[in-house]
Amino acid sequence: MGNPKAFLTIPRKEAGYRPIHDRILDFSEVEQTLNSNDRRQQASRCMDCGVPFCHWACPLGNKAPEWNDALYKGDWEQAYRLLNSTNDFPEFTGR
């Protein structure tokens, strides 16, 4: 795990949405994505708490702390394996 107190120093960053005047012209994704560096930084904000809300509240039982750690380390294959271990269709239901 990176710095377990990173959530105190790294502000939360959201990608946001495409402008409405662009969205009404097509059927592309509405939500934008963060770049790789920003995603890694956001993954480092995991608090690694004892009973993480993100884990027990997930109806799929996703292993969010482990998944965030793999993302932080840049191990995309391990992150996908963790996500796929609890969910056969993470691209649909993990959004």
Protein backbone atom coordinates (compact mmCIF):
# COMPACT_ATOMS: atom_id res chain seq x y z
CA MET A 1 0.00 0.00 0.00
CA GLY A 2 1.21 3.52 -0.68
CA ASN A 3 0.87 6.17 1.98
CA PRO A 4 -2.19 5.25 4.11
CA LYS A 5 -2.63 8.93 5.01
CA ALA A 6 -2.58 10.19 1.42
CA PHE A 7 -6.29 10.98 1.67
CA LEU A 8 -5.29 13.84 4.00
CA THR A 9 -2.87 15.45 1.56
CA ILE A 10 -4.15 14.51 -1.90
CA PRO A 11 -7.47 16.17 -2.71
CA ARG A 12 -10.25 14.13 -4.26
CA LYS A 13 -10.41 14.68 -8.00
CA GLU A 14 -13.31 13.74 -10.23
CA ALA A 15 -13.17 13.55 -14.00
CA GLY A 16 -16.53 15.19 -14.53
CA TYR A 17 -18.88 14.98 -17.48
CA ARG A 18 -18.75 15.92 -21.13
CA PRO A 19 -20.45 19.22 -21.94
CA ILE A 20 -24.18 18.83 -22.60
CA HIS A 21 -23.98 20.45 -26.04
CA ASP A 22 -21.55 17.65 -27.07
CA ARG A 23 -23.48 14.83 -25.38
CA ILE A 24 -26.76 15.48 -27.18
CA LEU A 25 -25.08 14.92 -30.56
CA ASP A 26 -23.94 11.32 -30.01
CA PHE A 27 -24.21 8.19 -27.90
CA SER A 28 -20.66 8.28 -26.54
CA GLU A 29 -19.76 8.05 -22.86
CA VAL A 30 -21.12 10.87 -20.73
CA GLU A 31 -18.51 10.62 -17.98
CA GLN A 32 -14.94 11.62 -18.70
CA THR A 33 -11.94 9.71 -17.34
CA LEU A 34 -8.87 10.82 -15.45
CA ASN A 35 -5.46 10.34 -17.02
CA SER A 36 -3.23 7.49 -15.77
CA ASN A 37 -1.26 9.67 -13.37
CA ASP A 38 -4.41 11.12 -11.80
CA ARG A 39 -5.94 7.63 -11.47
CA ARG A 40 -2.85 6.35 -9.65
CA GLN A 41 -2.89 9.36 -7.36
CA GLN A 42 -6.58 8.84 -6.55
CA ALA A 43 -5.97 5.13 -5.89
CA SER A 44 -3.32 6.13 -3.34
CA ARG A 45 -6.01 7.90 -1.29
CA CYS A 46 -7.30 4.56 0.06
CA MET A 47 -7.21 4.74 3.86
CA ASP A 48 -6.65 0.98 4.31
CA CYS A 49 -9.16 1.01 7.17
CA GLY A 50 -9.90 -2.12 9.19
CA VAL A 51 -13.41 -2.75 7.85
CA PRO A 52 -13.58 -0.64 4.71
CA PHE A 53 -17.04 0.65 3.81
CA CYS A 54 -16.14 0.35 0.12
CA HIS A 55 -15.71 -3.41 0.61
CA TRP A 56 -18.58 -4.50 2.86
CA ALA A 57 -21.11 -2.14 1.25
CA CYS A 58 -20.40 -3.44 -2.25
CA PRO A 59 -23.12 -5.95 -3.24
CA LEU A 60 -20.55 -7.78 -5.38
CA GLY A 61 -17.98 -8.01 -2.59
CA ASN A 62 -15.30 -6.31 -4.69
CA LYS A 63 -11.90 -6.23 -3.02
CA ALA A 64 -11.61 -2.46 -3.24
CA PRO A 65 -8.59 -1.90 -0.95
CA GLU A 66 -6.52 -4.57 -2.72
CA TRP A 67 -7.72 -3.33 -6.10
CA ASN A 68 -6.76 0.27 -5.27
CA ASP A 69 -3.33 -0.88 -4.11
CA ALA A 70 -2.73 -2.75 -7.38
CA LEU A 71 -3.78 0.35 -9.34
CA TYR A 72 -1.51 2.55 -7.23
CA LYS A 73 1.41 0.23 -7.97
CA GLY A 74 0.59 0.29 -11.69
CA ASP A 75 -0.16 -3.45 -11.73
CA TRP A 76 -3.16 -3.30 -14.07
CA GLU A 77 -3.25 -7.07 -14.66
CA GLN A 78 -3.50 -7.82 -10.93
CA ALA A 79 -6.14 -5.10 -10.53
CA TYR A 80 -8.19 -6.71 -13.30
CA ARG A 81 -7.78 -10.18 -11.76
CA LEU A 82 -9.01 -8.87 -8.40
CA LEU A 83 -11.97 -7.13 -10.00
CA ASN A 84 -12.82 -10.13 -12.16
CA SER A 85 -12.59 -12.53 -9.18
CA THR A 86 -15.82 -11.15 -7.69
CA ASN A 87 -17.56 -9.98 -10.83
CA ASP A 88 -17.77 -11.66 -14.22
CA PHE A 89 -18.73 -8.42 -15.94
CA PRO A 90 -16.82 -5.56 -14.25
CA GLU A 91 -17.10 -3.39 -17.35
CA PHE A 92 -20.90 -3.28 -16.88
CA THR A 93 -21.57 -3.42 -13.16
CA GLY A 94 -18.36 -1.89 -11.80
CA ARG A 95 -19.09 1.60 -13.07
